[in-house]
Amino acid sequence: YVLANDVSERAYQSERGGQWDKGKSYDSF
């Protein structure tokens, strides 16, 4: 097991259409 920080850009996640992945996947996230 590991500790993680699931950093998220909420506008990309929920306001730009499609799936959540693009709000979750920026470098360092």
mmCIF file of all heavy atoms, coordinates in Angstrom:
data_MODEL
# 
_entry.id   MODEL 
# 
loop_
_atom_site.group_PDB 
_atom_site.id 
_atom_site.type_symbol 
_atom_site.label_atom_id 
_atom_site.label_alt_id 
_atom_site.label_comp_id 
_atom_site.label_asym_id 
_atom_site.label_entity_id 
_atom_site.label_seq_id 
_atom_site.pdbx_PDB_ins_code 
_atom_site.Cartn_x 
_atom_site.Cartn_y 
_atom_site.Cartn_z 
_atom_site.occupancy 
_atom_site.B_iso_or_equiv 
_atom_site.pdbx_formal_charge 
_atom_site.auth_seq_id 
_atom_site.auth_comp_id 
_atom_site.auth_asym_id 
_atom_site.auth_atom_id 
_atom_site.pdbx_PDB_model_num 
ATOM 1   N N   . TYR A 1 1  ? 0.839   -1.198 0.000   1.00 0.00 ? 1  TYR A N   1 
ATOM 2   C CA  . TYR A 1 1  ? 0.000   0.000  0.000   1.00 0.00 ? 1  TYR A CA  1 
ATOM 3   C C   . TYR A 1 1  ? 0.875   1.250  0.000   1.00 0.00 ? 1  TYR A C   1 
ATOM 4   O O   . TYR A 1 1  ? 2.005   1.245  0.492   1.00 0.00 ? 1  TYR A O   1 
ATOM 5   C CB  . TYR A 1 1  ? -0.910  -0.001 1.229   1.00 0.00 ? 1  TYR A CB  1 
ATOM 6   C CG  . TYR A 1 1  ? -1.781  -1.233 1.304   1.00 0.00 ? 1  TYR A CG  1 
ATOM 7   C CD1 . TYR A 1 1  ? -1.369  -2.362 2.022   1.00 0.00 ? 1  TYR A CD1 1 
ATOM 8   C CD2 . TYR A 1 1  ? -2.992  -1.292 0.631   1.00 0.00 ? 1  TYR A CD2 1 
ATOM 9   C CE1 . TYR A 1 1  ? -2.158  -3.511 2.074   1.00 0.00 ? 1  TYR A CE1 1 
ATOM 10  C CE2 . TYR A 1 1  ? -3.782  -2.439 0.671   1.00 0.00 ? 1  TYR A CE2 1 
ATOM 11  C CZ  . TYR A 1 1  ? -3.362  -3.534 1.387   1.00 0.00 ? 1  TYR A CZ  1 
ATOM 12  O OH  . TYR A 1 1  ? -4.141  -4.668 1.419   1.00 0.00 ? 1  TYR A OH  1 
ATOM 13  N N   . VAL A 1 2  ? 0.302   2.320  -0.558  1.00 0.00 ? 2  VAL A N   1 
ATOM 14  C CA  . VAL A 1 2  ? 1.012   3.598  -0.648  1.00 0.00 ? 2  VAL A CA  1 
ATOM 15  C C   . VAL A 1 2  ? 0.060   4.731  -0.289  1.00 0.00 ? 2  VAL A C   1 
ATOM 16  O O   . VAL A 1 2  ? -1.162  4.607  -0.398  1.00 0.00 ? 2  VAL A O   1 
ATOM 17  C CB  . VAL A 1 2  ? 1.577   3.836  -2.068  1.00 0.00 ? 2  VAL A CB  1 
ATOM 18  C CG1 . VAL A 1 2  ? 2.711   2.882  -2.383  1.00 0.00 ? 2  VAL A CG1 1 
ATOM 19  C CG2 . VAL A 1 2  ? 0.476   3.746  -3.126  1.00 0.00 ? 2  VAL A CG2 1 
ATOM 20  N N   . LEU A 1 3  ? 0.643   5.844  0.110   1.00 0.00 ? 3  LEU A N   1 
ATOM 21  C CA  . LEU A 1 3  ? -0.083  7.097  0.273   1.00 0.00 ? 3  LEU A CA  1 
ATOM 22  C C   . LEU A 1 3  ? -0.108  7.805  -1.078  1.00 0.00 ? 3  LEU A C   1 
ATOM 23  O O   . LEU A 1 3  ? 0.891   7.799  -1.804  1.00 0.00 ? 3  LEU A O   1 
ATOM 24  C CB  . LEU A 1 3  ? 0.618   7.965  1.316   1.00 0.00 ? 3  LEU A CB  1 
ATOM 25  C CG  . LEU A 1 3  ? 0.064   9.376  1.550   1.00 0.00 ? 3  LEU A CG  1 
ATOM 26  C CD1 . LEU A 1 3  ? -1.323  9.328  2.166   1.00 0.00 ? 3  LEU A CD1 1 
ATOM 27  C CD2 . LEU A 1 3  ? 1.026   10.166 2.446   1.00 0.00 ? 3  LEU A CD2 1 
ATOM 28  N N   . ALA A 1 4  ? -1.240  8.414  -1.415  1.00 0.00 ? 4  ALA A N   1 
ATOM 29  C CA  . ALA A 1 4  ? -1.369  9.106  -2.702  1.00 0.00 ? 4  ALA A CA  1 
ATOM 30  C C   . ALA A 1 4  ? -2.166  10.386 -2.543  1.00 0.00 ? 4  ALA A C   1 
ATOM 31  O O   . ALA A 1 4  ? -3.014  10.506 -1.653  1.00 0.00 ? 4  ALA A O   1 
ATOM 32  C CB  . ALA A 1 4  ? -2.045  8.199  -3.729  1.00 0.00 ? 4  ALA A CB  1 
ATOM 33  N N   . ASN A 1 5  ? -1.885  11.335 -3.417  1.00 0.00 ? 5  ASN A N   1 
ATOM 34  C CA  . ASN A 1 5  ? -2.671  12.563 -3.534  1.00 0.00 ? 5  ASN A CA  1 
ATOM 35  C C   . ASN A 1 5  ? -3.246  12.581 -4.946  1.00 0.00 ? 5  ASN A C   1 
ATOM 36  O O   . ASN A 1 5  ? -2.506  12.744 -5.920  1.00 0.00 ? 5  ASN A O   1 
ATOM 37  C CB  . ASN A 1 5  ? -1.782  13.790 -3.286  1.00 0.00 ? 5  ASN A CB  1 
ATOM 38  C CG  . ASN A 1 5  ? -2.577  15.077 -3.163  1.00 0.00 ? 5  ASN A CG  1 
ATOM 39  O OD1 . ASN A 1 5  ? -3.791  15.102 -3.372  1.00 0.00 ? 5  ASN A OD1 1 
ATOM 40  N ND2 . ASN A 1 5  ? -1.898  16.158 -2.834  1.00 0.00 ? 5  ASN A ND2 1 
ATOM 41  N N   . ASP A 1 6  ? -4.541  12.374 -5.059  1.00 0.00 ? 6  ASP A N   1 
ATOM 42  C CA  . ASP A 1 6  ? -5.212  12.369 -6.360  1.00 0.00 ? 6  ASP A CA  1 
ATOM 43  C C   . ASP A 1 6  ? -5.555  13.814 -6.723  1.00 0.00 ? 6  ASP A C   1 
ATOM 44  O O   . ASP A 1 6  ? -6.701  14.257 -6.596  1.00 0.00 ? 6  ASP A O   1 
ATOM 45  C CB  . ASP A 1 6  ? -6.463  11.493 -6.294  1.00 0.00 ? 6  ASP A CB  1 
ATOM 46  C CG  . ASP A 1 6  ? -7.280  11.512 -7.582  1.00 0.00 ? 6  ASP A CG  1 
ATOM 47  O OD1 . ASP A 1 6  ? -6.723  11.924 -8.625  1.00 0.00 ? 6  ASP A OD1 1 
ATOM 48  O OD2 . ASP A 1 6  ? -8.459  11.125 -7.538  1.00 0.00 ? 6  ASP A OD2 1 
ATOM 49  N N   . VAL A 1 7  ? -4.534  14.558 -7.144  1.00 0.00 ? 7  VAL A N   1 
ATOM 50  C CA  . VAL A 1 7  ? -4.742  15.968 -7.497  1.00 0.00 ? 7  VAL A CA  1 
ATOM 51  C C   . VAL A 1 7  ? -5.659  16.050 -8.718  1.00 0.00 ? 7  VAL A C   1 
ATOM 52  O O   . VAL A 1 7  ? -5.558  15.237 -9.646  1.00 0.00 ? 7  VAL A O   1 
ATOM 53  C CB  . VAL A 1 7  ? -3.397  16.662 -7.766  1.00 0.00 ? 7  VAL A CB  1 
ATOM 54  C CG1 . VAL A 1 7  ? -3.604  18.145 -8.049  1.00 0.00 ? 7  VAL A CG1 1 
ATOM 55  C CG2 . VAL A 1 7  ? -2.454  16.466 -6.577  1.00 0.00 ? 7  VAL A CG2 1 
ATOM 56  N N   . SER A 1 8  ? -6.562  17.029 -8.718  1.00 0.00 ? 8  SER A N   1 
ATOM 57  C CA  . SER A 1 8  ? -7.605  17.113 -9.743  1.00 0.00 ? 8  SER A CA  1 
ATOM 58  C C   . SER A 1 8  ? -7.818  18.562 -10.166 1.00 0.00 ? 8  SER A C   1 
ATOM 59  O O   . SER A 1 8  ? -7.813  19.458 -9.321  1.00 0.00 ? 8  SER A O   1 
ATOM 60  C CB  . SER A 1 8  ? -8.933  16.560 -9.190  1.00 0.00 ? 8  SER A CB  1 
ATOM 61  O OG  . SER A 1 8  ? -8.758  15.290 -8.583  1.00 0.00 ? 8  SER A OG  1 
ATOM 62  N N   . GLU A 1 9  ? -8.010  18.770 -11.459 1.00 0.00 ? 9  GLU A N   1 
ATOM 63  C CA  . GLU A 1 9  ? -8.436  20.080 -11.961 1.00 0.00 ? 9  GLU A CA  1 
ATOM 64  C C   . GLU A 1 9  ? -9.934  19.972 -12.228 1.00 0.00 ? 9  GLU A C   1 
ATOM 65  O O   . GLU A 1 9  ? -10.358 19.354 -13.197 1.00 0.00 ? 9  GLU A O   1 
ATOM 66  C CB  . GLU A 1 9  ? -7.679  20.440 -13.234 1.00 0.00 ? 9  GLU A CB  1 
ATOM 67  C CG  . GLU A 1 9  ? -7.421  21.905 -13.485 1.00 0.00 ? 9  GLU A CG  1 
ATOM 68  C CD  . GLU A 1 9  ? -8.448  22.911 -13.017 1.00 0.00 ? 9  GLU A CD  1 
ATOM 69  O OE1 . GLU A 1 9  ? -9.589  22.897 -13.517 1.00 0.00 ? 9  GLU A OE1 1 
ATOM 70  O OE2 . GLU A 1 9  ? -8.112  23.739 -12.159 1.00 0.00 ? 9  GLU A OE2 1 
ATOM 71  N N   . ARG A 1 10 ? -10.749 20.531 -11.336 1.00 0.00 ? 10 ARG A N   1 
ATOM 72  C CA  . ARG A 1 10 ? -12.188 20.277 -11.380 1.00 0.00 ? 10 ARG A CA  1 
ATOM 73  C C   . ARG A 1 10 ? -12.855 20.821 -12.642 1.00 0.00 ? 10 ARG A C   1 
ATOM 74  O O   . ARG A 1 10 ? -13.820 20.233 -13.135 1.00 0.00 ? 10 ARG A O   1 
ATOM 75  C CB  . ARG A 1 10 ? -12.856 20.885 -10.142 1.00 0.00 ? 10 ARG A CB  1 
ATOM 76  C CG  . ARG A 1 10 ? -12.339 20.359 -8.817  1.00 0.00 ? 10 ARG A CG  1 
ATOM 77  C CD  . ARG A 1 10 ? -12.565 18.879 -8.650  1.00 0.00 ? 10 ARG A CD  1 
ATOM 78  N NE  . ARG A 1 10 ? -12.221 18.450 -7.287  1.00 0.00 ? 10 ARG A NE  1 
ATOM 79  C CZ  . ARG A 1 10 ? -12.139 17.189 -6.903  1.00 0.00 ? 10 ARG A CZ  1 
ATOM 80  N NH1 . ARG A 1 10 ? -12.359 16.211 -7.766  1.00 0.00 ? 10 ARG A NH1 1 
ATOM 81  N NH2 . ARG A 1 10 ? -11.830 16.890 -5.649  1.00 0.00 ? 10 ARG A NH2 1 
ATOM 82  N N   . ALA A 1 11 ? -12.375 21.956 -13.165 1.00 0.00 ? 11 ALA A N   1 
ATOM 83  C CA  . ALA A 1 11 ? -12.982 22.475 -14.386 1.00 0.00 ? 11 ALA A CA  1 
ATOM 84  C C   . ALA A 1 11 ? -12.752 21.510 -15.543 1.00 0.00 ? 11 ALA A C   1 
ATOM 85  O O   . ALA A 1 11 ? -13.671 21.229 -16.324 1.00 0.00 ? 11 ALA A O   1 
ATOM 86  C CB  . ALA A 1 11 ? -12.425 23.856 -14.711 1.00 0.00 ? 11 ALA A CB  1 
ATOM 87  N N   . TYR A 1 12 ? -11.526 20.974 -15.651 1.00 0.00 ? 12 TYR A N   1 
ATOM 88  C CA  . TYR A 1 12 ? -11.257 19.991 -16.700 1.00 0.00 ? 12 TYR A CA  1 
ATOM 89  C C   . TYR A 1 12 ? -12.077 18.728 -16.469 1.00 0.00 ? 12 TYR A C   1 
ATOM 90  O O   . TYR A 1 12 ? -12.533 18.081 -17.407 1.00 0.00 ? 12 TYR A O   1 
ATOM 91  C CB  . TYR A 1 12 ? -9.775  19.615 -16.701 1.00 0.00 ? 12 TYR A CB  1 
ATOM 92  C CG  . TYR A 1 12 ? -8.805  20.702 -17.048 1.00 0.00 ? 12 TYR A CG  1 
ATOM 93  C CD1 . TYR A 1 12 ? -7.437  20.440 -17.012 1.00 0.00 ? 12 TYR A CD1 1 
ATOM 94  C CD2 . TYR A 1 12 ? -9.218  21.982 -17.406 1.00 0.00 ? 12 TYR A CD2 1 
ATOM 95  C CE1 . TYR A 1 12 ? -6.511  21.435 -17.320 1.00 0.00 ? 12 TYR A CE1 1 
ATOM 96  C CE2 . TYR A 1 12 ? -8.310  22.975 -17.712 1.00 0.00 ? 12 TYR A CE2 1 
ATOM 97  C CZ  . TYR A 1 12 ? -6.954  22.699 -17.663 1.00 0.00 ? 12 TYR A CZ  1 
ATOM 98  O OH  . TYR A 1 12 ? -6.035  23.660 -17.962 1.00 0.00 ? 12 TYR A OH  1 
ATOM 99  N N   . GLN A 1 13 ? -12.252 18.377 -15.202 1.00 0.00 ? 13 GLN A N   1 
ATOM 100 C CA  . GLN A 1 13 ? -12.944 17.130 -14.856 1.00 0.00 ? 13 GLN A CA  1 
ATOM 101 C C   . GLN A 1 13 ? -14.430 17.181 -15.173 1.00 0.00 ? 13 GLN A C   1 
ATOM 102 O O   . GLN A 1 13 ? -14.992 16.213 -15.691 1.00 0.00 ? 13 GLN A O   1 
ATOM 103 C CB  . GLN A 1 13 ? -12.744 16.837 -13.364 1.00 0.00 ? 13 GLN A CB  1 
ATOM 104 C CG  . GLN A 1 13 ? -13.469 15.604 -12.857 1.00 0.00 ? 13 GLN A CG  1 
ATOM 105 C CD  . GLN A 1 13 ? -13.303 15.417 -11.352 1.00 0.00 ? 13 GLN A CD  1 
ATOM 106 O OE1 . GLN A 1 13 ? -12.558 16.138 -10.698 1.00 0.00 ? 13 GLN A OE1 1 
ATOM 107 N NE2 . GLN A 1 13 ? -14.011 14.453 -10.798 1.00 0.00 ? 13 GLN A NE2 1 
ATOM 108 N N   . SER A 1 14 ? -15.072 18.301 -14.838 1.00 0.00 ? 14 SER A N   1 
ATOM 109 C CA  . SER A 1 14 ? -16.536 18.332 -14.842 1.00 0.00 ? 14 SER A CA  1 
ATOM 110 C C   . SER A 1 14 ? -17.161 19.350 -15.788 1.00 0.00 ? 14 SER A C   1 
ATOM 111 O O   . SER A 1 14 ? -18.360 19.283 -16.032 1.00 0.00 ? 14 SER A O   1 
ATOM 112 C CB  . SER A 1 14 ? -17.042 18.622 -13.415 1.00 0.00 ? 14 SER A CB  1 
ATOM 113 O OG  . SER A 1 14 ? -16.561 17.659 -12.507 1.00 0.00 ? 14 SER A OG  1 
ATOM 114 N N   . GLU A 1 15 ? -16.366 20.276 -16.309 1.00 0.00 ? 15 GLU A N   1 
ATOM 115 C CA  . GLU A 1 15 ? -16.953 21.352 -17.103 1.00 0.00 ? 15 GLU A CA  1 
ATOM 116 C C   . GLU A 1 15 ? -16.518 21.352 -18.560 1.00 0.00 ? 15 GLU A C   1 
ATOM 117 O O   . GLU A 1 15 ? -16.926 22.243 -19.317 1.00 0.00 ? 15 GLU A O   1 
ATOM 118 C CB  . GLU A 1 15 ? -16.589 22.710 -16.462 1.00 0.00 ? 15 GLU A CB  1 
ATOM 119 C CG  . GLU A 1 15 ? -17.084 22.858 -15.032 1.00 0.00 ? 15 GLU A CG  1 
ATOM 120 C CD  . GLU A 1 15 ? -16.534 24.098 -14.350 1.00 0.00 ? 15 GLU A CD  1 
ATOM 121 O OE1 . GLU A 1 15 ? -16.070 25.023 -15.072 1.00 0.00 ? 15 GLU A OE1 1 
ATOM 122 O OE2 . GLU A 1 15 ? -16.563 24.150 -13.102 1.00 0.00 ? 15 GLU A OE2 1 
ATOM 123 N N   . ARG A 1 16 ? -15.711 20.369 -18.951 1.00 0.00 ? 16 ARG A N   1 
ATOM 124 C CA  . ARG A 1 16 ? -15.175 20.353 -20.297 1.00 0.00 ? 16 ARG A CA  1 
ATOM 125 C C   . ARG A 1 16 ? -15.690 19.180 -21.120 1.00 0.00 ? 16 ARG A C   1 
ATOM 126 O O   . ARG A 1 16 ? -15.172 18.884 -22.192 1.00 0.00 ? 16 ARG A O   1 
ATOM 127 C CB  . ARG A 1 16 ? -13.642 20.323 -20.235 1.00 0.00 ? 16 ARG A CB  1 
ATOM 128 C CG  . ARG A 1 16 ? -13.007 21.530 -19.547 1.00 0.00 ? 16 ARG A CG  1 
ATOM 129 C CD  . ARG A 1 16 ? -13.088 22.778 -20.380 1.00 0.00 ? 16 ARG A CD  1 
ATOM 130 N NE  . ARG A 1 16 ? -12.334 22.658 -21.614 1.00 0.00 ? 16 ARG A NE  1 
ATOM 131 C CZ  . ARG A 1 16 ? -11.029 22.942 -21.737 1.00 0.00 ? 16 ARG A CZ  1 
ATOM 132 N NH1 . ARG A 1 16 ? -10.343 23.393 -20.679 1.00 0.00 ? 16 ARG A NH1 1 
ATOM 133 N NH2 . ARG A 1 16 ? -10.429 22.817 -22.893 1.00 0.00 ? 16 ARG A NH2 1 
ATOM 134 N N   . GLY A 1 17 ? -16.748 18.501 -20.634 1.00 0.00 ? 17 GLY A N   1 
ATOM 135 C CA  . GLY A 1 17 ? -17.323 17.388 -21.376 1.00 0.00 ? 17 GLY A CA  1 
ATOM 136 C C   . GLY A 1 17 ? -16.493 16.123 -21.250 1.00 0.00 ? 17 GLY A C   1 
ATOM 137 O O   . GLY A 1 17 ? -15.366 16.126 -20.768 1.00 0.00 ? 17 GLY A O   1 
ATOM 138 N N   . GLY A 1 18 ? -17.083 14.990 -21.666 1.00 0.00 ? 18 GLY A N   1 
ATOM 139 C CA  . GLY A 1 18 ? -16.352 13.729 -21.662 1.00 0.00 ? 18 GLY A CA  1 
ATOM 140 C C   . GLY A 1 18 ? -16.161 13.157 -20.280 1.00 0.00 ? 18 GLY A C   1 
ATOM 141 O O   . GLY A 1 18 ? -16.952 13.387 -19.365 1.00 0.00 ? 18 GLY A O   1 
ATOM 142 N N   . GLN A 1 19 ? -15.088 12.424 -20.123 1.00 0.00 ? 19 GLN A N   1 
ATOM 143 C CA  . GLN A 1 19 ? -14.824 11.680 -18.896 1.00 0.00 ? 19 GLN A CA  1 
ATOM 144 C C   . GLN A 1 19 ? -13.957 12.490 -17.927 1.00 0.00 ? 19 GLN A C   1 
ATOM 145 O O   . GLN A 1 19 ? -13.442 13.558 -18.255 1.00 0.00 ? 19 GLN A O   1 
ATOM 146 C CB  . GLN A 1 19 ? -14.135 10.356 -19.238 1.00 0.00 ? 19 GLN A CB  1 
ATOM 147 C CG  . GLN A 1 19 ? -14.923 9.492  -20.205 1.00 0.00 ? 19 GLN A CG  1 
ATOM 148 C CD  . GLN A 1 19 ? -16.278 9.109  -19.665 1.00 0.00 ? 19 GLN A CD  1 
ATOM 149 O OE1 . GLN A 1 19 ? -16.376 8.621  -18.550 1.00 0.00 ? 19 GLN A OE1 1 
ATOM 150 N NE2 . GLN A 1 19 ? -17.328 9.309  -20.443 1.00 0.00 ? 19 GLN A NE2 1 
ATOM 151 N N   . TRP A 1 20 ? -13.790 11.943 -16.712 1.00 0.00 ? 20 TRP A N   1 
ATOM 152 C CA  . TRP A 1 20 ? -13.035 12.621 -15.665 1.00 0.00 ? 20 TRP A CA  1 
ATOM 153 C C   . TRP A 1 20 ? -11.523 12.638 -15.930 1.00 0.00 ? 20 TRP A C   1 
ATOM 154 O O   . TRP A 1 20 ? -10.809 13.468 -15.373 1.00 0.00 ? 20 TRP A O   1 
ATOM 155 C CB  . TRP A 1 20 ? -13.256 11.927 -14.326 1.00 0.00 ? 20 TRP A CB  1 
ATOM 156 C CG  . TRP A 1 20 ? -14.621 12.111 -13.743 1.00 0.00 ? 20 TRP A CG  1 
ATOM 157 C CD1 . TRP A 1 20 ? -15.679 12.788 -14.279 1.00 0.00 ? 20 TRP A CD1 1 
ATOM 158 C CD2 . TRP A 1 20 ? -15.061 11.606 -12.481 1.00 0.00 ? 20 TRP A CD2 1 
ATOM 159 N NE1 . TRP A 1 20 ? -16.755 12.732 -13.441 1.00 0.00 ? 20 TRP A NE1 1 
ATOM 160 C CE2 . TRP A 1 20 ? -16.407 12.008 -12.327 1.00 0.00 ? 20 TRP A CE2 1 
ATOM 161 C CE3 . TRP A 1 20 ? -14.453 10.853 -11.479 1.00 0.00 ? 20 TRP A CE3 1 
ATOM 162 C CZ2 . TRP A 1 20 ? -17.143 11.678 -11.199 1.00 0.00 ? 20 TRP A CZ2 1 
ATOM 163 C CZ3 . TRP A 1 20 ? -15.192 10.515 -10.358 1.00 0.00 ? 20 TRP A CZ3 1 
ATOM 164 C CH2 . TRP A 1 20 ? -16.523 10.933 -10.229 1.00 0.00 ? 20 TRP A CH2 1 
ATOM 165 N N   . ASP A 1 21 ? -11.041 11.719 -16.761 1.00 0.00 ? 21 ASP A N   1 
ATOM 166 C CA  . ASP A 1 21 ? -9.603  11.480 -16.851 1.00 0.00 ? 21 ASP A CA  1 
ATOM 167 C C   . ASP A 1 21 ? -8.799  12.741 -17.124 1.00 0.00 ? 21 ASP A C   1 
ATOM 168 O O   . ASP A 1 21 ? -7.706  12.923 -16.575 1.00 0.00 ? 21 ASP A O   1 
ATOM 169 C CB  . ASP A 1 21 ? -9.307  10.456 -17.963 1.00 0.00 ? 21 ASP A CB  1 
ATOM 170 C CG  . ASP A 1 21 ? -10.043 9.153  -17.774 1.00 0.00 ? 21 ASP A CG  1 
ATOM 171 O OD1 . ASP A 1 21 ? -11.204 9.173  -17.332 1.00 0.00 ? 21 ASP A OD1 1 
ATOM 172 O OD2 . ASP A 1 21 ? -9.460  8.096  -18.074 1.00 0.00 ? 21 ASP A OD2 1 
ATOM 173 N N   . LYS A 1 22 ? -9.307  13.647 -17.965 1.00 0.00 ? 22 LYS A N   1 
ATOM 174 C CA  . LYS A 1 22 ? -8.500  14.808 -18.341 1.00 0.00 ? 22 LYS A CA  1 
ATOM 175 C C   . LYS A 1 22 ? -8.355  15.799 -17.188 1.00 0.00 ? 22 LYS A C   1 
ATOM 176 O O   . LYS A 1 22 ? -7.449  16.630 -17.208 1.00 0.00 ? 22 LYS A O   1 
ATOM 177 C CB  . LYS A 1 22 ? -9.075  15.490 -19.583 1.00 0.00 ? 22 LYS A CB  1 
ATOM 178 C CG  . LYS A 1 22 ? -10.494 16.010 -19.440 1.00 0.00 ? 22 LYS A CG  1 
ATOM 179 C CD  . LYS A 1 22 ? -11.024 16.414 -20.822 1.00 0.00 ? 22 LYS A CD  1 
ATOM 180 C CE  . LYS A 1 22 ? -12.462 16.829 -20.774 1.00 0.00 ? 22 LYS A CE  1 
ATOM 181 N NZ  . LYS A 1 22 ? -13.011 17.051 -22.119 1.00 0.00 ? 22 LYS A NZ  1 
ATOM 182 N N   . GLY A 1 23 ? -9.222  15.722 -16.192 1.00 0.00 ? 23 GLY A N   1 
ATOM 183 C CA  . GLY A 1 23 ? -9.044  16.537 -15.006 1.00 0.00 ? 23 GLY A CA  1 
ATOM 184 C C   . GLY A 1 23 ? -8.158  15.898 -13.959 1.00 0.00 ? 23 GLY A C   1 
ATOM 185 O O   . GLY A 1 23 ? -7.847  16.517 -12.930 1.00 0.00 ? 23 GLY A O   1 
ATOM 186 N N   . LYS A 1 24 ? -7.726  14.664 -14.217 1.00 0.00 ? 24 LYS A N   1 
ATOM 187 C CA  . LYS A 1 24 ? -6.975  13.889 -13.228 1.00 0.00 ? 24 LYS A CA  1 
ATOM 188 C C   . LYS A 1 24 ? -5.536  13.589 -13.642 1.00 0.00 ? 24 LYS A C   1 
ATOM 189 O O   . LYS A 1 24 ? -4.779  13.053 -12.827 1.00 0.00 ? 24 LYS A O   1 
ATOM 190 C CB  . LYS A 1 24 ? -7.690  12.546 -13.010 1.00 0.00 ? 24 LYS A CB  1 
ATOM 191 C CG  . LYS A 1 24 ? -9.108  12.667 -12.441 1.00 0.00 ? 24 LYS A CG  1 
ATOM 192 C CD  . LYS A 1 24 ? -9.090  12.982 -10.967 1.00 0.00 ? 24 LYS A CD  1 
ATOM 193 C CE  . LYS A 1 24 ? -10.456 12.871 -10.320 1.00 0.00 ? 24 LYS A CE  1 
ATOM 194 N NZ  . LYS A 1 24 ? -10.379 12.997 -8.844  1.00 0.00 ? 24 LYS A NZ  1 
ATOM 195 N N   . SER A 1 25 ? -5.159  13.920 -14.864 1.00 0.00 ? 25 SER A N   1 
ATOM 196 C CA  . SER A 1 25 ? -3.958  13.326 -15.446 1.00 0.00 ? 25 SER A CA  1 
ATOM 197 C C   . SER A 1 25 ? -2.841  14.296 -15.772 1.00 0.00 ? 25 SER A C   1 
ATOM 198 O O   . SER A 1 25 ? -1.851  13.907 -16.394 1.00 0.00 ? 25 SER A O   1 
ATOM 199 C CB  . SER A 1 25 ? -4.339  12.559 -16.719 1.00 0.00 ? 25 SER A CB  1 
ATOM 200 O OG  . SER A 1 25 ? -5.143  11.442 -16.402 1.00 0.00 ? 25 SER A OG  1 
ATOM 201 N N   . TYR A 1 26 ? -2.955  15.566 -15.370 1.00 0.00 ? 26 TYR A N   1 
ATOM 202 C CA  . TYR A 1 26 ? -1.886  16.499 -15.677 1.00 0.00 ? 26 TYR A CA  1 
ATOM 203 C C   . TYR A 1 26 ? -0.590  16.046 -15.002 1.00 0.00 ? 26 TYR A C   1 
ATOM 204 O O   . TYR A 1 26 ? -0.611  15.404 -13.942 1.00 0.00 ? 26 TYR A O   1 
ATOM 205 C CB  . TYR A 1 26 ? -2.260  17.910 -15.200 1.00 0.00 ? 26 TYR A CB  1 
ATOM 206 C CG  . TYR A 1 26 ? -1.442  18.997 -15.847 1.00 0.00 ? 26 TYR A CG  1 
ATOM 207 C CD1 . TYR A 1 26 ? -1.658  19.351 -17.173 1.00 0.00 ? 26 TYR A CD1 1 
ATOM 208 C CD2 . TYR A 1 26 ? -0.441  19.653 -15.149 1.00 0.00 ? 26 TYR A CD2 1 
ATOM 209 C CE1 . TYR A 1 26 ? -0.902  20.340 -17.783 1.00 0.00 ? 26 TYR A CE1 1 
ATOM 210 C CE2 . TYR A 1 26 ? 0.321   20.644 -15.747 1.00 0.00 ? 26 TYR A CE2 1 
ATOM 211 C CZ  . TYR A 1 26 ? 0.092   20.984 -17.066 1.00 0.00 ? 26 TYR A CZ  1 
ATOM 212 O OH  . TYR A 1 26 ? 0.851   21.958 -17.659 1.00 0.00 ? 26 TYR A OH  1 
ATOM 213 N N   . ASP A 1 27 ? 0.536   16.376 -15.631 1.00 0.00 ? 27 ASP A N   1 
ATOM 214 C CA  . ASP A 1 27 ? 1.829   16.014 -15.040 1.00 0.00 ? 27 ASP A CA  1 
ATOM 215 C C   . ASP A 1 27 ? 1.912   16.502 -13.596 1.00 0.00 ? 27 ASP A C   1 
ATOM 216 O O   . ASP A 1 27 ? 1.574   17.653 -13.307 1.00 0.00 ? 27 ASP A O   1 
ATOM 217 C CB  . ASP A 1 27 ? 2.966   16.642 -15.844 1.00 0.00 ? 27 ASP A CB  1 
ATOM 218 C CG  . ASP A 1 27 ? 3.098   16.081 -17.254 1.00 0.00 ? 27 ASP A CG  1 
ATOM 219 O OD1 . ASP A 1 27 ? 2.344   15.163 -17.595 1.00 0.00 ? 27 ASP A OD1 1 
ATOM 220 O OD2 . ASP A 1 27 ? 3.961   16.580 -18.000 1.00 0.00 ? 27 ASP A OD2 1 
ATOM 221 N N   . SER A 1 28 ? 2.350   15.636 -12.712 1.00 0.00 ? 28 SER A N   1 
ATOM 222 C CA  . SER A 1 28 ? 2.515   15.861 -11.266 1.00 0.00 ? 28 SER A CA  1 
ATOM 223 C C   . SER A 1 28 ? 1.236   15.661 -10.479 1.00 0.00 ? 28 SER A C   1 
ATOM 224 O O   . SER A 1 28 ? 1.230   15.855 -9.265  1.00 0.00 ? 28 SER A O   1 
ATOM 225 C CB  . SER A 1 28 ? 3.076   17.254 -10.949 1.00 0.00 ? 28 SER A CB  1 
ATOM 226 O OG  . SER A 1 28 ? 2.087   18.275 -11.012 1.00 0.00 ? 28 SER A OG  1 
ATOM 227 N N   . PHE A 1 29 ? 0.137   15.235 -11.108 1.00 0.00 ? 29 PHE A N   1 
ATOM 228 C CA  . PHE A 1 29 ? -1.147  15.084 -10.413 1.00 0.00 ? 29 PHE A CA  1 
ATOM 229 C C   . PHE A 1 29 ? -1.297  13.745 -9.696  1.00 0.00 ? 29 PHE A C   1 
ATOM 230 O O   . PHE A 1 29 ? -2.382  13.438 -9.194  1.00 0.00 ? 29 PHE A O   1 
ATOM 231 C CB  . PHE A 1 29 ? -2.303  15.271 -11.402 1.00 0.00 ? 29 PHE A CB  1 
ATOM 232 C CG  . PHE A 1 29 ? -2.741  16.707 -11.580 1.00 0.00 ? 29 PHE A CG  1 
ATOM 233 C CD1 . PHE A 1 29 ? -1.910  17.758 -11.277 1.00 0.00 ? 29 PHE A CD1 1 
ATOM 234 C CD2 . PHE A 1 29 ? -4.011  16.999 -12.068 1.00 0.00 ? 29 PHE A CD2 1 
ATOM 235 C CE1 . PHE A 1 29 ? -2.322  19.075 -11.442 1.00 0.00 ? 29 PHE A CE1 1 
ATOM 236 C CE2 . PHE A 1 29 ? -4.436  18.315 -12.228 1.00 0.00 ? 29 PHE A CE2 1 
ATOM 237 C CZ  . PHE A 1 29 ? -3.587  19.357 -11.919 1.00 0.00 ? 29 PHE A CZ  1 
# 
